[in-house]
N, C-alpha and C. Protein backbone atom coordinates (compact mmCIF):
# COMPACT_ATOMS: atom_id res chain seq x y z
N MET A 1 0.83 -1.13 0.07
CA MET A 1 -0.03 0.05 0.04
C MET A 1 0.88 1.39 -0.10
N ARG A 2 2.10 1.17 0.74
CA ARG A 2 2.95 2.26 0.79
C ARG A 2 3.46 2.75 -0.73
N PHE A 3 3.74 1.72 -1.61
CA PHE A 3 4.24 2.15 -2.80
C PHE A 3 3.20 2.62 -3.61
N ALA A 4 1.99 2.12 -3.50
CA ALA A 4 0.95 2.49 -4.29
C ALA A 4 0.61 4.04 -3.91
N ILE A 5 0.48 4.71 -2.61
CA ILE A 5 0.37 5.83 -2.36
C ILE A 5 1.58 6.74 -2.85
N ALA A 6 2.72 6.23 -2.59
CA ALA A 6 3.86 7.11 -3.16
C ALA A 6 3.94 7.17 -4.60
N ILE A 7 3.47 6.32 -5.42
CA ILE A 7 3.47 6.41 -6.80
C ILE A 7 2.27 7.38 -7.18
N PHE A 8 1.01 7.29 -6.32
CA PHE A 8 -0.11 8.34 -6.72
C PHE A 8 0.66 9.76 -6.45
N LEU A 9 1.28 10.10 -5.29
CA LEU A 9 1.84 11.27 -4.98
C LEU A 9 2.80 11.65 -5.97
N LEU A 10 3.62 10.72 -6.62
CA LEU A 10 4.67 11.26 -7.44
C LEU A 10 3.98 11.69 -8.92
N ILE A 11 2.64 10.67 -9.21
CA ILE A 11 2.23 11.22 -10.28
C ILE A 11 1.36 12.65 -10.35
N HIS A 12 0.81 12.83 -9.09
CA HIS A 12 0.02 13.91 -8.98
C HIS A 12 0.95 15.10 -8.89
N GLY A 13 2.27 14.87 -8.49
CA GLY A 13 3.04 16.00 -8.21
C GLY A 13 3.73 16.18 -9.99
N LEU A 14 3.98 15.18 -10.67
CA LEU A 14 4.16 15.41 -11.94
C LEU A 14 3.19 15.96 -12.95
N ILE A 15 2.24 15.81 -12.58
CA ILE A 15 0.77 16.43 -13.50
C ILE A 15 0.93 18.26 -13.11
N HIS A 16 1.33 18.37 -11.63
CA HIS A 16 1.39 19.84 -11.42
C HIS A 16 2.62 20.53 -12.43
N LEU A 17 3.66 19.84 -12.72
CA LEU A 17 4.74 20.48 -13.59
C LEU A 17 4.06 20.99 -14.77
N MET A 18 2.79 20.43 -15.11
CA MET A 18 2.30 21.09 -16.30
C MET A 18 1.98 22.64 -16.34
N GLY A 19 1.23 22.82 -15.06
CA GLY A 19 1.12 24.55 -14.76
C GLY A 19 2.28 25.24 -14.84
N PHE A 20 3.44 24.67 -14.33
CA PHE A 20 4.62 25.32 -14.31
C PHE A 20 5.31 25.52 -15.82
N ALA A 21 5.14 24.49 -16.37
CA ALA A 21 5.65 24.52 -17.88
C ALA A 21 4.90 25.35 -18.70
N LYS A 22 3.42 25.39 -18.61
CA LYS A 22 2.69 26.41 -19.54
C LYS A 22 3.05 27.91 -18.83
N ALA A 23 3.28 28.19 -17.63
CA ALA A 23 3.46 29.48 -17.23
C ALA A 23 4.83 30.27 -17.81
N PHE A 24 6.10 29.32 -17.93
CA PHE A 24 7.11 29.54 -18.30
C PHE A 24 7.53 29.39 -19.71
N GLY A 25 6.23 29.01 -20.51
CA GLY A 25 6.64 28.74 -21.81
C GLY A 25 7.40 27.51 -22.26
N LEU A 26 7.49 26.61 -21.33
CA LEU A 26 8.45 25.48 -21.62
C LEU A 26 7.84 24.23 -22.52
N ALA A 27 6.46 24.30 -22.72
CA ALA A 27 5.83 23.31 -23.37
C ALA A 27 4.60 23.99 -23.77
N LYS A 28 3.99 23.53 -25.14
CA LYS A 28 2.68 23.96 -25.56
C LYS A 28 1.81 22.77 -24.97
N LEU A 29 0.83 23.27 -24.24
CA LEU A 29 -0.04 22.37 -23.55
C LEU A 29 -1.58 23.05 -24.01
N PRO A 30 -1.99 22.63 -25.16
CA PRO A 30 -3.44 23.06 -25.58
C PRO A 30 -4.39 22.49 -24.80
N GLN A 31 -4.49 21.50 -23.91
CA GLN A 31 -5.33 21.03 -23.04
C GLN A 31 -5.54 22.03 -21.85
N LEU A 32 -4.48 22.95 -21.53
CA LEU A 32 -4.65 23.97 -20.55
C LEU A 32 -5.06 25.30 -21.21
N GLN A 33 -6.34 25.48 -21.16
CA GLN A 33 -6.73 26.79 -22.00
C GLN A 33 -6.50 28.05 -21.32
N GLN A 34 -6.78 27.91 -19.84
CA GLN A 34 -6.44 29.27 -19.07
C GLN A 34 -4.82 29.68 -19.08
N GLY A 35 -4.98 31.00 -19.07
CA GLY A 35 -3.60 31.59 -19.07
C GLY A 35 -2.96 31.32 -17.46
N ILE A 36 -1.76 30.99 -17.42
CA ILE A 36 -1.13 30.80 -15.98
C ILE A 36 0.10 31.87 -15.96
N THR A 37 -0.13 32.77 -15.16
CA THR A 37 1.27 33.91 -14.78
C THR A 37 2.36 33.03 -14.21
N ARG A 38 3.44 33.68 -14.23
CA ARG A 38 4.63 33.25 -13.68
C ARG A 38 4.64 32.87 -12.25
N PRO A 39 4.11 34.05 -11.44
CA PRO A 39 4.02 33.62 -10.00
C PRO A 39 3.32 32.46 -9.69
N VAL A 40 2.22 32.34 -10.41
CA VAL A 40 1.08 31.12 -10.46
C VAL A 40 1.82 30.10 -10.76
N GLY A 41 2.70 30.02 -11.86
CA GLY A 41 3.47 28.92 -12.29
C GLY A 41 4.52 28.37 -11.32
N LEU A 42 5.04 29.28 -10.61
CA LEU A 42 5.94 28.98 -9.32
C LEU A 42 5.11 28.04 -8.23
N LEU A 43 3.91 28.63 -7.93
CA LEU A 43 3.17 27.81 -6.98
C LEU A 43 2.72 26.58 -7.27
N TRP A 44 2.81 26.30 -8.75
CA TRP A 44 2.29 24.98 -9.26
C TRP A 44 3.62 24.06 -9.16
N LEU A 45 4.71 24.71 -9.36
CA LEU A 45 6.12 23.98 -9.10
C LEU A 45 6.12 23.76 -7.53
N ALA A 46 5.89 24.55 -6.82
CA ALA A 46 5.85 24.32 -5.35
C ALA A 46 5.14 23.07 -4.56
N ALA A 47 3.86 23.05 -5.44
CA ALA A 47 2.97 21.95 -5.12
C ALA A 47 3.65 20.59 -5.76
N ALA A 48 4.19 20.75 -6.69
CA ALA A 48 4.57 19.47 -7.65
C ALA A 48 5.93 18.92 -6.23
N LEU A 49 6.73 19.81 -6.35
CA LEU A 49 7.85 19.47 -5.16
C LEU A 49 7.34 18.90 -3.90
N LEU A 50 6.44 19.57 -3.49
CA LEU A 50 6.00 18.89 -2.09
C LEU A 50 5.40 17.56 -2.13
N LEU A 51 4.55 17.52 -3.10
CA LEU A 51 3.91 16.09 -3.41
C LEU A 51 5.05 15.09 -3.70
N MET A 52 5.96 15.42 -4.67
CA MET A 52 6.91 14.38 -4.94
C MET A 52 8.11 14.03 -3.77
N CYS A 53 8.27 15.30 -3.06
CA CYS A 53 8.92 14.96 -1.71
C CYS A 53 8.23 14.07 -0.71
N ALA A 54 6.87 14.25 -0.72
CA ALA A 54 6.06 13.47 0.29
C ALA A 54 6.30 12.06 -0.21
N ALA A 55 6.20 11.88 -1.63
CA ALA A 55 6.26 10.52 -2.07
C ALA A 55 7.78 9.61 -1.64
N ALA A 56 8.77 10.41 -1.76
CA ALA A 56 10.15 10.17 -1.40
C ALA A 56 9.95 9.69 0.15
N LEU A 57 9.71 10.70 0.79
CA LEU A 57 9.74 10.46 2.32
C LEU A 57 8.77 9.18 2.65
N LEU A 58 7.95 8.99 2.00
CA LEU A 58 6.97 7.78 2.50
C LEU A 58 7.87 6.44 2.03
N LEU A 59 8.40 6.53 0.60
CA LEU A 59 9.18 5.52 0.49
C LEU A 59 10.37 5.05 1.03
N LEU A 60 11.07 6.19 1.76
CA LEU A 60 12.07 5.79 2.84
C LEU A 60 11.83 5.85 4.16
N SER A 61 10.45 5.56 4.23
CA SER A 61 9.87 5.17 5.88
C SER A 61 10.15 6.53 6.62
N ARG A 62 10.30 7.80 6.09
CA ARG A 62 10.58 8.78 7.23
C ARG A 62 9.63 9.50 7.51
N GLY A 63 9.41 10.05 8.90
CA GLY A 63 8.43 10.70 9.33
C GLY A 63 8.07 11.94 8.60
N GLY A 64 7.04 12.52 8.85
CA GLY A 64 6.82 13.95 8.27
C GLY A 64 6.08 13.88 6.68
N TRP A 65 6.17 12.66 6.34
CA TRP A 65 5.57 12.55 5.00
C TRP A 65 4.25 13.02 4.79
N ARG A 66 3.37 12.80 5.86
CA ARG A 66 2.09 13.43 6.03
C ARG A 66 1.70 14.69 5.80
N TRP A 67 2.40 15.72 6.66
CA TRP A 67 2.50 16.86 6.71
C TRP A 67 2.87 17.52 5.42
N VAL A 68 3.88 17.01 4.78
CA VAL A 68 4.54 17.60 3.48
C VAL A 68 3.53 17.27 2.46
N ALA A 69 2.81 15.98 2.37
CA ALA A 69 1.69 15.86 1.48
C ALA A 69 0.59 16.54 1.72
N LEU A 70 0.21 16.65 2.69
CA LEU A 70 -1.11 17.72 3.38
C LEU A 70 -0.67 19.06 2.53
N THR A 71 0.45 19.62 3.06
CA THR A 71 0.75 20.98 2.41
C THR A 71 0.72 20.98 0.91
N GLY A 72 1.09 20.09 0.29
CA GLY A 72 1.08 19.97 -1.03
C GLY A 72 -0.23 19.81 -1.58
N ALA A 73 -0.87 18.92 -1.05
CA ALA A 73 -2.36 19.13 -1.42
C ALA A 73 -3.30 20.26 -1.23
N LEU A 74 -2.95 20.82 -0.11
CA LEU A 74 -3.53 22.21 0.11
C LEU A 74 -3.29 23.25 -0.92
N LEU A 75 -1.94 23.20 -1.28
CA LEU A 75 -1.53 24.17 -2.11
C LEU A 75 -2.15 24.07 -3.55
N SER A 76 -2.32 22.66 -3.66
CA SER A 76 -2.64 22.17 -5.12
C SER A 76 -4.12 22.57 -5.26
N GLN A 77 -4.95 22.30 -4.06
CA GLN A 77 -6.10 22.65 -4.40
C GLN A 77 -6.26 24.25 -4.40
N GLY A 78 -5.32 24.93 -3.89
CA GLY A 78 -5.66 26.29 -3.96
C GLY A 78 -5.46 26.89 -5.43
N MET A 79 -4.62 25.88 -6.07
CA MET A 79 -4.05 26.24 -7.71
C MET A 79 -5.25 25.79 -8.49
N VAL A 80 -5.78 24.61 -8.03
CA VAL A 80 -7.18 24.18 -8.86
C VAL A 80 -8.27 25.15 -8.78
N LEU A 81 -8.33 25.97 -7.45
CA LEU A 81 -9.42 26.84 -7.59
C LEU A 81 -9.17 28.09 -8.25
N LEU A 82 -7.87 28.22 -8.46
CA LEU A 82 -7.57 29.32 -9.38
C LEU A 82 -7.67 29.15 -10.93
N ASP A 83 -7.69 27.88 -11.39
CA ASP A 83 -7.72 27.40 -12.43
C ASP A 83 -8.82 26.40 -12.85
N TRP A 84 -10.02 26.50 -12.25
CA TRP A 84 -11.01 25.56 -11.94
C TRP A 84 -11.43 24.91 -13.57
N GLN A 85 -11.47 25.68 -14.41
CA GLN A 85 -11.89 25.09 -15.61
C GLN A 85 -10.84 24.03 -16.46
N ASP A 86 -9.62 24.22 -16.07
CA ASP A 86 -8.78 23.46 -16.63
C ASP A 86 -8.19 22.24 -15.43
N ALA A 87 -8.54 22.67 -14.21
CA ALA A 87 -7.79 21.60 -13.18
C ALA A 87 -8.71 21.20 -12.37
N LYS A 88 -10.27 21.19 -12.36
CA LYS A 88 -11.11 20.84 -11.29
C LYS A 88 -10.94 19.10 -11.17
N ALA A 89 -10.51 18.46 -11.70
CA ALA A 89 -10.25 16.95 -11.64
C ALA A 89 -8.98 16.89 -10.24
N GLY A 90 -8.45 17.77 -10.24
CA GLY A 90 -7.30 17.70 -9.13
C GLY A 90 -8.05 17.72 -7.94
N THR A 91 -9.24 18.28 -7.80
CA THR A 91 -9.80 18.26 -6.40
C THR A 91 -10.12 16.78 -5.95
N LEU A 92 -10.41 15.76 -6.66
CA LEU A 92 -10.45 14.42 -6.51
C LEU A 92 -9.00 13.91 -6.09
N ALA A 93 -8.03 14.28 -6.81
CA ALA A 93 -6.51 13.70 -6.43
C ALA A 93 -6.25 14.20 -5.09
N ASN A 94 -6.76 15.56 -4.93
CA ASN A 94 -6.36 16.05 -3.55
C ASN A 94 -7.06 15.40 -2.33
N LEU A 95 -8.31 14.99 -2.54
CA LEU A 95 -9.21 14.49 -1.63
C LEU A 95 -8.61 13.12 -1.54
N VAL A 96 -8.06 12.26 -2.45
CA VAL A 96 -7.53 11.09 -2.33
C VAL A 96 -6.08 11.05 -1.35
N VAL A 97 -5.54 12.14 -1.78
CA VAL A 97 -4.08 12.53 -0.69
C VAL A 97 -4.85 12.84 0.67
N LEU A 98 -5.64 13.39 1.02
CA LEU A 98 -6.12 13.80 2.20
C LEU A 98 -6.48 12.40 3.07
N LEU A 99 -7.17 11.67 2.20
CA LEU A 99 -7.53 10.34 2.81
C LEU A 99 -6.50 9.40 3.13
N CYS A 100 -5.65 9.20 2.36
CA CYS A 100 -4.20 8.50 2.38
C CYS A 100 -3.35 9.02 3.78
N THR A 101 -3.35 10.25 3.86
CA THR A 101 -2.75 11.01 5.07
C THR A 101 -3.37 10.49 6.20
N TRP A 102 -4.73 10.47 6.27
CA TRP A 102 -5.34 10.29 7.47
C TRP A 102 -5.68 8.76 7.78
N PHE A 103 -5.90 8.07 6.74
CA PHE A 103 -6.04 6.36 7.14
C PHE A 103 -4.90 5.55 6.84
N PHE A 104 -3.93 5.98 6.45
CA PHE A 104 -2.59 5.09 6.45
C PHE A 104 -2.08 4.83 7.62
N PRO A 105 -1.72 3.26 8.01
CA PRO A 105 -1.09 3.05 9.23
C PRO A 105 -0.04 3.92 9.75
N ARG A 106 -0.03 3.84 10.81
CA ARG A 106 1.32 5.00 11.33
C ARG A 106 2.10 3.97 11.75
């Protein structure tokens, strides 16, 4: 179960890199129709890094992964709310992160 959650966190984090890439013109992403400013792009990057770090901490059996994951999910949800039309599906992913941090055995 630990590996499944870590992979989910990693994939969720990687998806956030799309917002960063769009904001900085690193990739053409026609599926993201809303404009993303550079400051908001940096927030997308921060959420990505938090979620990916949480995955690494979980895989390494380090404490604190829950707090890092929760912080990443909260930041992620803020970004989803800013870009609702393109990113509303992220709400479900953030809910899964919340449930995993709450119910994963300690």
